[in-house]
């Protein structure tokens, strides 16, 4: 195998693909990046067996073949190479690859190609094309609510479903629940539902934004999903297990429904949260016509701020995790936020005031008087 390409093009694509390379696998090849030159095209591949990335590389194929190189090392070497052009040539007898850039020459030992797994090929059958901007917007609304607790793997995913002219994503870590339903400009030519690891979808959003892709294709199979955007292919395993029935978690009715100026409320929560340390809750005390947000951490200090809200009825005080509350308000992204409450021990709900299909259910924290 031998190829020539532009150094900056190789470096850029290596930065993208090596995000999928494993950093802790016992299989050494999974810490590498595969360079594949075939039929006049060049492709870079990396996988940690959970997600896989395939990215195209512009260049000339002098001799076809494939090789696996240590991912982190090859990134550092290409970053440091002088000159605008670089050549990579496999030397089978030496079991290394010769990289030449300008007057610099590197010889990098290869990893075992036999240990590098095959990748799923994109298929036309069952493929659904989705507007990329709508997909990314929906992921960004719910991704923070996905769990990071690997002992409950089903909650580390985002339930993605699409049919007709609607795209819906749901994520929960059992303390909060995010739902975003996005109306599409045109009906989809197909439908799917899958519990996709949140990490894979967050990686996909980076790729879509980097490639400025207008459309992405989704192909769901028995135990994996394949996305394609701007020439980059991301494959991911699907998460086994039954995702919670989120509709059962949403209360049917609320005692209070308050419209807040989203930007103002978010800024107040950010400020007062500075004094909610060491697992201290953020306190929201509602009285006639106003809301007082406060926090107190022993040996650190306390803070409070009041803002007008259209609250009526008996005073109500409820506590929330400050980070979770802030995440919910920030997800509304400007405009008004609708806050719905039942009682101090029942979940609260944040909705976007513009009826954009975003809902954020948040469990309260029991307050000590």
Foldseek 3Di string as FASTA:
>chain_A
DKWKAWLVQVLVVLVLQQVAADDDDPQQLQQWWKWFADPQWIWIWHHPQFKIKIFTTDTGDPDGDMFIFRSVVVSVVSVPADATMWMWDQDVVVQWIWIDHDPDIDTGHTGDPVSDDDDDDDDPPQKKKDFLVQLLLQLLLFLVAQDPDVVPVLQQWWKWKFFFQWTWIWHHPPQKIKIFIAGHPGTIPHIDIFGFGSVLSVSVSVVCVVLVFRMKMWHDDDFKIWIDTNRMIMIGGTDDDDRDPVVVQDDPDFPDKKKAQLVVVLVQLVVQCVQQPPPWWWKWKDDQFKIKTKTHDPPRGIDIDMDGIRDDDDIAMATFHSVLVSSNSVSLPGDIWMWTHHHRQGWIWIDRPVPRRIIMIGGTDDDDD
